[in-house]
Amino acid sequence: MVVVETGRRSIVVVGDVAVWFGELDEPHTQGPLLVRALDPELVWLAHEQEPWRRSPLRAMGASRRSPLGATGFSEGAERFRRVPRPARR
């Protein structure tokens, strides 16, 4: 998993996290839950031609409460860290 900080919401590039976008829309396993906890603008799945974007209803706060707890991260998420984007020259 690679998290790219853009100054707004992050962009996430993942390999074996989800097979199809529906797993990110309704996450039930640790990989998609972790990605959704990052609240990314875009998620690029390695095998897809287009990125996943959260639906407009979820963006307006219509999503259910996160099952990940107060921090928004599940157990094991501490091994992932956000890497700041290098400054442009």
PDB file of N, CA and C in Angstrom:
ATOM      1  N   MET A   1       0.849  -1.164   0.000  1.00  0.00           N
ATOM      2  CA  MET A   1       0.000   0.000   0.000  1.00  0.00           C
ATOM      3  C   MET A   1       0.897   1.231   0.000  1.00  0.00           C
ATOM      4  N   VAL A   2       0.567   2.170  -0.874  1.00  0.00           N
ATOM      5  CA  VAL A   2       1.274   3.445  -0.940  1.00  0.00           C
ATOM      6  C   VAL A   2       0.244   4.537  -0.721  1.00  0.00           C
ATOM      7  N   VAL A   3       0.523   5.449   0.215  1.00  0.00           N
ATOM      8  CA  VAL A   3      -0.357   6.585   0.482  1.00  0.00           C
ATOM      9  C   VAL A   3       0.367   7.842   0.042  1.00  0.00           C
ATOM     10  N   VAL A   4      -0.239   8.577  -0.876  1.00  0.00           N
ATOM     11  CA  VAL A   4       0.354   9.800  -1.405  1.00  0.00           C
ATOM     12  C   VAL A   4      -0.405  10.989  -0.835  1.00  0.00           C
ATOM     13  N   GLU A   5       0.297  11.818  -0.099  1.00  0.00           N
ATOM     14  CA  GLU A   5      -0.294  13.038   0.449  1.00  0.00           C
ATOM     15  C   GLU A   5      -0.315  14.107  -0.637  1.00  0.00           C
ATOM     16  N   THR A   6      -1.454  14.721  -0.863  1.00  0.00           N
ATOM     17  CA  THR A   6      -1.596  15.702  -1.935  1.00  0.00           C
ATOM     18  C   THR A   6      -1.833  17.109  -1.416  1.00  0.00           C
ATOM     19  N   GLY A   7      -1.915  17.276  -0.124  1.00  0.00           N
ATOM     20  CA  GLY A   7      -2.248  18.570   0.447  1.00  0.00           C
ATOM     21  C   GLY A   7      -3.735  18.662   0.742  1.00  0.00           C
ATOM     22  N   ARG A   8      -4.511  17.833   0.109  1.00  0.00           N
ATOM     23  CA  ARG A   8      -5.940  17.703   0.404  1.00  0.00           C
ATOM     24  C   ARG A   8      -6.133  16.301   0.968  1.00  0.00           C
ATOM     25  N   ARG A   9      -7.002  15.537   0.368  1.00  0.00           N
ATOM     26  CA  ARG A   9      -7.146  14.144   0.792  1.00  0.00           C
ATOM     27  C   ARG A   9      -6.149  13.287   0.031  1.00  0.00           C
ATOM     28  N   SER A  10      -5.725  12.207   0.633  1.00  0.00           N
ATOM     29  CA  SER A  10      -4.677  11.370   0.063  1.00  0.00           C
ATOM     30  C   SER A  10      -5.172  10.534  -1.117  1.00  0.00           C
ATOM     31  N   ILE A  11      -4.203  10.007  -1.853  1.00  0.00           N
ATOM     32  CA  ILE A  11      -4.450   9.044  -2.918  1.00  0.00           C
ATOM     33  C   ILE A  11      -3.766   7.764  -2.483  1.00  0.00           C
ATOM     34  N   VAL A  12      -4.463   6.632  -2.606  1.00  0.00           N
ATOM     35  CA  VAL A  12      -3.934   5.355  -2.156  1.00  0.00           C
ATOM     36  C   VAL A  12      -3.775   4.427  -3.363  1.00  0.00           C
ATOM     37  N   VAL A  13      -2.623   3.781  -3.454  1.00  0.00           N
ATOM     38  CA  VAL A  13      -2.354   2.781  -4.486  1.00  0.00           C
ATOM     39  C   VAL A  13      -2.180   1.451  -3.765  1.00  0.00           C
ATOM     40  N   VAL A  14      -2.987   0.458  -4.153  1.00  0.00           N
ATOM     41  CA  VAL A  14      -2.956  -0.825  -3.458  1.00  0.00           C
ATOM     42  C   VAL A  14      -2.876  -1.983  -4.441  1.00  0.00           C
ATOM     43  N   GLY A  15      -2.385  -3.086  -3.956  1.00  0.00           N
ATOM     44  CA  GLY A  15      -2.310  -4.299  -4.756  1.00  0.00           C
ATOM     45  C   GLY A  15      -3.440  -5.240  -4.393  1.00  0.00           C
ATOM     46  N   ASP A  16      -3.191  -6.135  -3.466  1.00  0.00           N
ATOM     47  CA  ASP A  16      -4.127  -7.198  -3.124  1.00  0.00           C
ATOM     48  C   ASP A  16      -4.998  -6.803  -1.935  1.00  0.00           C
ATOM     49  N   VAL A  17      -5.783  -5.747  -2.102  1.00  0.00           N
ATOM     50  CA  VAL A  17      -6.660  -5.278  -1.026  1.00  0.00           C
ATOM     51  C   VAL A  17      -8.119  -5.554  -1.358  1.00  0.00           C
ATOM     52  N   ALA A  18      -8.487  -5.361  -2.614  1.00  0.00           N
ATOM     53  CA  ALA A  18      -9.869  -5.567  -3.050  1.00  0.00           C
ATOM     54  C   ALA A  18      -9.859  -6.105  -4.473  1.00  0.00           C
ATOM     55  N   VAL A  19     -10.827  -6.950  -4.784  1.00  0.00           N
ATOM     56  CA  VAL A  19     -10.949  -7.497  -6.121  1.00  0.00           C
ATOM     57  C   VAL A  19     -11.783  -6.579  -7.005  1.00  0.00           C
ATOM     58  N   TRP A  20     -12.782  -5.952  -6.410  1.00  0.00           N
ATOM     59  CA  TRP A  20     -13.651  -5.039  -7.151  1.00  0.00           C
ATOM     60  C   TRP A  20     -14.041  -3.871  -6.260  1.00  0.00           C
ATOM     61  N   PHE A  21     -14.549  -2.790  -6.868  1.00  0.00           N
ATOM     62  CA  PHE A  21     -14.834  -1.559  -6.146  1.00  0.00           C
ATOM     63  C   PHE A  21     -15.909  -1.736  -5.067  1.00  0.00           C
ATOM     64  N   GLY A  22     -16.781  -2.696  -5.226  1.00  0.00           N
ATOM     65  CA  GLY A  22     -17.813  -2.940  -4.222  1.00  0.00           C
ATOM     66  C   GLY A  22     -17.228  -3.274  -2.859  1.00  0.00           C
ATOM     67  N   GLU A  23     -16.045  -3.871  -2.840  1.00  0.00           N
ATOM     68  CA  GLU A  23     -15.393  -4.177  -1.564  1.00  0.00           C
ATOM     69  C   GLU A  23     -14.934  -2.913  -0.852  1.00  0.00           C
ATOM     70  N   LEU A  24     -14.724  -1.831  -1.597  1.00  0.00           N
ATOM     71  CA  LEU A  24     -14.381  -0.554  -0.979  1.00  0.00           C
ATOM     72  C   LEU A  24     -15.644   0.229  -0.612  1.00  0.00           C
ATOM     73  N   ASP A  25     -16.719   0.033  -1.382  1.00  0.00           N
ATOM     74  CA  ASP A  25     -17.988   0.687  -1.067  1.00  0.00           C
ATOM     75  C   ASP A  25     -18.581   0.159   0.230  1.00  0.00           C
ATOM     76  N   GLU A  26     -18.518  -1.142   0.414  1.00  0.00           N
ATOM     77  CA  GLU A  26     -19.051  -1.802   1.612  1.00  0.00           C
ATOM     78  C   GLU A  26     -17.971  -2.694   2.209  1.00  0.00           C
ATOM     79  N   PRO A  27     -16.968  -2.121   2.871  1.00  0.00           N
ATOM     80  CA  PRO A  27     -15.846  -2.923   3.370  1.00  0.00           C
ATOM     81  C   PRO A  27     -16.245  -3.832   4.530  1.00  0.00           C
ATOM     82  N   HIS A  28     -15.748  -5.076   4.460  1.00  0.00           N
ATOM     83  CA  HIS A  28     -16.016  -6.047   5.527  1.00  0.00           C
ATOM     84  C   HIS A  28     -14.747  -6.728   6.012  1.00  0.00           C
ATOM     85  N   THR A  29     -13.656  -6.611   5.257  1.00  0.00           N
ATOM     86  CA  THR A  29     -12.410  -7.255   5.653  1.00  0.00           C
ATOM     87  C   THR A  29     -11.371  -6.190   5.987  1.00  0.00           C
ATOM     88  N   GLN A  30     -10.283  -6.616   6.597  1.00  0.00           N
ATOM     89  CA  GLN A  30      -9.296  -5.676   7.135  1.00  0.00           C
ATOM     90  C   GLN A  30      -8.683  -4.751   6.077  1.00  0.00           C
ATOM     91  N   GLY A  31      -8.358  -5.257   4.891  1.00  0.00           N
ATOM     92  CA  GLY A  31      -7.736  -4.429   3.859  1.00  0.00           C
ATOM     93  C   GLY A  31      -8.609  -3.261   3.429  1.00  0.00           C
ATOM     94  N   PRO A  32      -9.832  -3.517   2.952  1.00  0.00           N
ATOM     95  CA  PRO A  32     -10.702  -2.410   2.578  1.00  0.00           C
ATOM     96  C   PRO A  32     -11.057  -1.490   3.755  1.00  0.00           C
ATOM     97  N   LEU A  33     -11.197  -2.057   4.951  1.00  0.00           N
ATOM     98  CA  LEU A  33     -11.482  -1.213   6.124  1.00  0.00           C
ATOM     99  C   LEU A  33     -10.330  -0.243   6.393  1.00  0.00           C
ATOM    100  N   LEU A  34      -9.091  -0.735   6.255  1.00  0.00           N
ATOM    101  CA  LEU A  34      -7.931   0.115   6.471  1.00  0.00           C
ATOM    102  C   LEU A  34      -7.884   1.232   5.426  1.00  0.00           C
ATOM    103  N   VAL A  35      -8.111   0.877   4.162  1.00  0.00           N
ATOM    104  CA  VAL A  35      -8.103   1.887   3.097  1.00  0.00           C
ATOM    105  C   VAL A  35      -9.166   2.939   3.360  1.00  0.00           C
ATOM    106  N   ARG A  36     -10.371   2.529   3.719  1.00  0.00           N
ATOM    107  CA  ARG A  36     -11.451   3.483   3.967  1.00  0.00           C
ATOM    108  C   ARG A  36     -11.170   4.353   5.186  1.00  0.00           C
ATOM    109  N   ALA A  37     -10.456   3.808   6.175  1.00  0.00           N
ATOM    110  CA  ALA A  37     -10.115   4.590   7.370  1.00  0.00           C
ATOM    111  C   ALA A  37      -9.193   5.750   7.024  1.00  0.00           C
ATOM    112  N   LEU A  38      -8.437   5.633   5.931  1.00  0.00           N
ATOM    113  CA  LEU A  38      -7.553   6.717   5.493  1.00  0.00           C
ATOM    114  C   LEU A  38      -8.328   7.850   4.829  1.00  0.00           C
ATOM    115  N   ASP A  39      -9.605   7.629   4.507  1.00  0.00           N
ATOM    116  CA  ASP A  39     -10.483   8.610   3.855  1.00  0.00           C
ATOM    117  C   ASP A  39      -9.830   9.212   2.608  1.00  0.00           C
ATOM    118  N   PRO A  40      -9.413   8.349   1.663  1.00  0.00           N
ATOM    119  CA  PRO A  40      -8.716   8.853   0.482  1.00  0.00           C
ATOM    120  C   PRO A  40      -9.657   9.484  -0.537  1.00  0.00           C
ATOM    121  N   GLU A  41      -9.096  10.357  -1.345  1.00  0.00           N
ATOM    122  CA  GLU A  41      -9.842  10.943  -2.464  1.00  0.00           C
ATOM    123  C   GLU A  41      -9.995   9.901  -3.567  1.00  0.00           C
ATOM    124  N   LEU A  42      -8.905   9.186  -3.856  1.00  0.00           N
ATOM    125  CA  LEU A  42      -8.885   8.155  -4.895  1.00  0.00           C
ATOM    126  C   LEU A  42      -8.187   6.918  -4.367  1.00  0.00           C
ATOM    127  N   VAL A  43      -8.604   5.753  -4.861  1.00  0.00           N
ATOM    128  CA  VAL A  43      -7.910   4.502  -4.567  1.00  0.00           C
ATOM    129  C   VAL A  43      -7.668   3.808  -5.905  1.00  0.00           C
ATOM    130  N   TRP A  44      -6.409   3.583  -6.193  1.00  0.00           N
ATOM    131  CA  TRP A  44      -6.034   2.863  -7.409  1.00  0.00           C
ATOM    132  C   TRP A  44      -5.790   1.413  -7.055  1.00  0.00           C
ATOM    133  N   LEU A  45      -6.591   0.496  -7.620  1.00  0.00           N
ATOM    134  CA  LEU A  45      -6.348  -0.932  -7.500  1.00  0.00           C
ATOM    135  C   LEU A  45      -5.389  -1.311  -8.621  1.00  0.00           C
ATOM    136  N   ALA A  46      -4.421  -2.147  -8.332  1.00  0.00           N
ATOM    137  CA  ALA A  46      -3.371  -2.471  -9.296  1.00  0.00           C
ATOM    138  C   ALA A  46      -3.907  -3.021 -10.611  1.00  0.00           C
ATOM    139  N   HIS A  47      -5.035  -3.695 -10.595  1.00  0.00           N
ATOM    140  CA  HIS A  47      -5.551  -4.358 -11.791  1.00  0.00           C
ATOM    141  C   HIS A  47      -6.668  -3.574 -12.492  1.00  0.00           C
ATOM    142  N   GLU A  48      -6.992  -2.379 -12.033  1.00  0.00           N
ATOM    143  CA  GLU A  48      -8.075  -1.597 -12.632  1.00  0.00           C
ATOM    144  C   GLU A  48      -7.530  -0.439 -13.470  1.00  0.00           C
ATOM    145  N   GLN A  49      -8.296  -0.024 -14.469  1.00  0.00           N
ATOM    146  CA  GLN A  49      -7.908   1.072 -15.360  1.00  0.00           C
ATOM    147  C   GLN A  49      -8.284   2.438 -14.799  1.00  0.00           C
ATOM    148  N   GLU A  50      -9.277   2.490 -13.920  1.00  0.00           N
ATOM    149  CA  GLU A  50      -9.767   3.736 -13.338  1.00  0.00           C
ATOM    150  C   GLU A  50      -9.695   3.646 -11.812  1.00  0.00           C
ATOM    151  N   PRO A  51      -9.584   4.778 -11.116  1.00  0.00           N
ATOM    152  CA  PRO A  51      -9.540   4.736  -9.645  1.00  0.00           C
ATOM    153  C   PRO A  51     -10.939   4.623  -9.045  1.00  0.00           C
ATOM    154  N   TRP A  52     -10.986   4.138  -7.816  1.00  0.00           N
ATOM    155  CA  TRP A  52     -12.217   4.137  -7.031  1.00  0.00           C
ATOM    156  C   TRP A  52     -12.367   5.501  -6.380  1.00  0.00           C
ATOM    157  N   ARG A  53     -13.581   5.998  -6.362  1.00  0.00           N
ATOM    158  CA  ARG A  53     -13.934   7.229  -5.643  1.00  0.00           C
ATOM    159  C   ARG A  53     -15.117   6.892  -4.747  1.00  0.00           C
ATOM    160  N   ARG A  54     -15.145   7.465  -3.565  1.00  0.00           N
ATOM    161  CA  ARG A  54     -16.295   7.191  -2.708  1.00  0.00           C
ATOM    162  C   ARG A  54     -17.529   7.829  -3.327  1.00  0.00           C
ATOM    163  N   SER A  55     -18.669   7.238  -3.070  1.00  0.00           N
ATOM    164  CA  SER A  55     -19.912   7.730  -3.661  1.00  0.00           C
ATOM    165  C   SER A  55     -20.274   9.083  -3.062  1.00  0.00           C
ATOM    166  N   PRO A  56     -21.011   9.921  -3.802  1.00  0.00           N
ATOM    167  CA  PRO A  56     -21.412  11.235  -3.280  1.00  0.00           C
ATOM    168  C   PRO A  56     -22.213  11.133  -1.987  1.00  0.00           C
ATOM    169  N   LEU A  57     -23.043  10.104  -1.817  1.00  0.00           N
ATOM    170  CA  LEU A  57     -23.803   9.959  -0.574  1.00  0.00           C
ATOM    171  C   LEU A  57     -22.888   9.765   0.616  1.00  0.00           C
ATOM    172  N   ARG A  58     -21.835   8.961   0.445  1.00  0.00           N
ATOM    173  CA  ARG A  58     -20.875   8.765   1.531  1.00  0.00           C
ATOM    174  C   ARG A  58     -20.096  10.043   1.805  1.00  0.00           C
ATOM    175  N   ALA A  59     -19.793  10.796   0.762  1.00  0.00           N
ATOM    176  CA  ALA A  59     -19.048  12.040   0.933  1.00  0.00           C
ATOM    177  C   ALA A  59     -19.847  13.048   1.751  1.00  0.00           C
ATOM    178  N   MET A  60     -21.171  12.970   1.682  1.00  0.00           N
ATOM    179  CA  MET A  60     -22.021  13.916   2.422  1.00  0.00           C
ATOM    180  C   MET A  60     -22.332  13.432   3.830  1.00  0.00           C
ATOM    181  N   GLY A  61     -21.704  12.322   4.237  1.00  0.00           N
ATOM    182  CA  GLY A  61     -21.882  11.845   5.605  1.00  0.00           C
ATOM    183  C   GLY A  61     -22.976  10.818   5.778  1.00  0.00           C
ATOM    184  N   ALA A  62     -23.440  10.220   4.697  1.00  0.00           N
ATOM    185  CA  ALA A  62     -24.511   9.234   4.792  1.00  0.00           C
ATOM    186  C   ALA A  62     -24.001   7.841   5.121  1.00  0.00           C
ATOM    187  N   SER A  63     -22.698   7.696   5.275  1.00  0.00           N
ATOM    188  CA  SER A  63     -22.148   6.367   5.559  1.00  0.00           C
ATOM    189  C   SER A  63     -22.428   5.969   7.000  1.00  0.00           C
ATOM    190  N   ARG A  64     -22.357   4.674   7.219  1.00  0.00           N
ATOM    191  CA  ARG A  64     -22.527   4.160   8.571  1.00  0.00           C
ATOM    192  C   ARG A  64     -21.302   4.474   9.411  1.00  0.00           C
ATOM    193  N   ARG A  65     -21.453   4.364  10.698  1.00  0.00           N
ATOM    194  CA  ARG A  65     -20.337   4.601  11.611  1.00  0.00           C
ATOM    195  C   ARG A  65     -19.240   3.572  11.375  1.00  0.00           C
ATOM    196  N   SER A  66     -18.010   3.997  11.466  1.00  0.00           N
ATOM    197  CA  SER A  66     -16.876   3.115  11.201  1.00  0.00           C
ATOM    198  C   SER A  66     -16.773   2.019  12.258  1.00  0.00           C
ATOM    199  N   PRO A  67     -16.591   0.767  11.830  1.00  0.00           N
ATOM    200  CA  PRO A  67     -16.410  -0.321  12.787  1.00  0.00           C
ATOM    201  C   PRO A  67     -14.984  -0.380  13.333  1.00  0.00           C
ATOM    202  N   LEU A  68     -14.153   0.584  12.975  1.00  0.00           N
ATOM    203  CA  LEU A  68     -12.751   0.530  13.356  1.00  0.00           C
ATOM    204  C   LEU A  68     -12.451   1.184  14.698  1.00  0.00           C
ATOM    205  N   GLY A  69     -13.421   1.809  15.295  1.00  0.00           N
ATOM    206  CA  GLY A  69     -13.185   2.429  16.585  1.00  0.00           C
ATOM    207  C   GLY A  69     -12.861   3.905  16.469  1.00  0.00           C
ATOM    208  N   ALA A  70     -12.538   4.515  17.586  1.00  0.00           N
ATOM    209  CA  ALA A  70     -12.336   5.960  17.653  1.00  0.00           C
ATOM    210  C   ALA A  70     -11.162   6.449  16.819  1.00  0.00           C
ATOM    211  N   THR A  71     -10.121   5.660  16.693  1.00  0.00           N
ATOM    212  CA  THR A  71      -8.949   6.113  15.949  1.00  0.00           C
ATOM    213  C   THR A  71      -9.115   5.968  14.451  1.00  0.00           C
ATOM    214  N   GLY A  72     -10.066   5.124  14.018  1.00  0.00           N
ATOM    215  CA  GLY A  72     -10.255   4.901  12.596  1.00  0.00           C
ATOM    216  C   GLY A  72      -9.297   3.875  12.013  1.00  0.00           C
ATOM    217  N   PHE A  73      -8.508   3.218  12.834  1.00  0.00           N
ATOM    218  CA  PHE A  73      -7.574   2.212  12.337  1.00  0.00           C
ATOM    219  C   PHE A  73      -7.822   0.894  13.045  1.00  0.00           C
ATOM    220  N   SER A  74      -7.687  -0.164  12.290  1.00  0.00           N
ATOM    221  CA  SER A  74      -7.864  -1.485  12.870  1.00  0.00           C
ATOM    222  C   SER A  74      -6.524  -1.995  13.402  1.00  0.00           C
ATOM    223  N   GLU A  75      -6.578  -3.083  14.102  1.00  0.00           N
ATOM    224  CA  GLU A  75      -5.362  -3.678  14.648  1.00  0.00           C
ATOM    225  C   GLU A  75      -4.390  -4.000  13.517  1.00  0.00           C
ATOM    226  N   GLY A  76      -3.153  -3.666  13.671  1.00  0.00           N
ATOM    227  CA  GLY A  76      -2.148  -3.919  12.647  1.00  0.00           C
ATOM    228  C   GLY A  76      -1.901  -2.733  11.734  1.00  0.00           C
ATOM    229  N   ALA A  77      -2.742  -1.710  11.822  1.00  0.00           N
ATOM    230  CA  ALA A  77      -2.607  -0.563  10.932  1.00  0.00           C
ATOM    231  C   ALA A  77      -1.374   0.268  11.251  1.00  0.00           C
ATOM    232  N   GLU A  78      -0.806   0.098  12.425  1.00  0.00           N
ATOM    233  CA  GLU A  78       0.360   0.894  12.799  1.00  0.00           C
ATOM    234  C   GLU A  78       1.566   0.625  11.908  1.00  0.00           C
ATOM    235  N   ARG A  79       1.563  -0.479  11.176  1.00  0.00           N
ATOM    236  CA  ARG A  79       2.692  -0.757  10.295  1.00  0.00           C
ATOM    237  C   ARG A  79       2.660   0.107   9.041  1.00  0.00           C
ATOM    238  N   PHE A  80       1.522   0.743   8.773  1.00  0.00           N
ATOM    239  CA  PHE A  80       1.422   1.669   7.650  1.00  0.00           C
ATOM    240  C   PHE A  80       1.577   3.081   8.177  1.00  0.00           C
ATOM    241  N   ARG A  81       2.334   3.872   7.488  1.00  0.00           N
ATOM    242  CA  ARG A  81       2.483   5.255   7.926  1.00  0.00           C
ATOM    243  C   ARG A  81       2.360   6.164   6.721  1.00  0.00           C
ATOM    244  N   ARG A  82       1.926   7.368   6.978  1.00  0.00           N
ATOM    245  CA  ARG A  82       1.812   8.341   5.907  1.00  0.00           C
ATOM    246  C   ARG A  82       3.180   8.940   5.645  1.00  0.00           C
ATOM    247  N   VAL A  83       3.538   9.000   4.380  1.00  0.00           N
ATOM    248  CA  VAL A  83       4.817   9.575   3.985  1.00  0.00           C
ATOM    249  C   VAL A  83       4.533  10.926   3.338  1.00  0.00           C
ATOM    250  N   PRO A  84       5.094  12.016   3.872  1.00  0.00           N
ATOM    251  CA  PRO A  84       4.826  13.341   3.297  1.00  0.00           C
ATOM    252  C   PRO A  84       5.287  13.432   1.859  1.00  0.00           C
ATOM    253  N   ARG A  85       4.533  14.167   1.084  1.00  0.00           N
ATOM    254  CA  ARG A  85       4.890  14.383  -0.316  1.00  0.00           C
ATOM    255  C   ARG A  85       6.070  15.334  -0.372  1.00  0.00           C
ATOM    256  N   PRO A  86       7.072  15.037  -1.210  1.00  0.00           N
ATOM    257  CA  PRO A  86       8.232  15.933  -1.319  1.00  0.00           C
ATOM    258  C   PRO A  86       7.813  17.302  -1.842  1.00  0.00           C
ATOM    259  N   ALA A  87       8.498  18.329  -1.375  1.00  0.00           N
ATOM    260  CA  ALA A  87       8.208  19.701  -1.842  1.00  0.00           C
ATOM    261  C   ALA A  87       8.599  19.840  -3.292  1.00  0.00           C
ATOM    262  N   ARG A  88       7.791  20.578  -4.021  1.00  0.00           N
ATOM    263  CA  ARG A  88       8.111  20.835  -5.434  1.00  0.00           C
ATOM    264  C   ARG A  88       9.190  21.884  -5.540  1.00  0.00           C
ATOM    265  N   ARG A  89      10.002  21.743  -6.554  1.00  0.00           N
ATOM    266  CA  ARG A  89      11.081  22.716  -6.755  1.00  0.00           C
ATOM    267  C   ARG A  89      10.750  23.644  -7.881  1.00  0.00           C
TER     268      ARG A  89
END
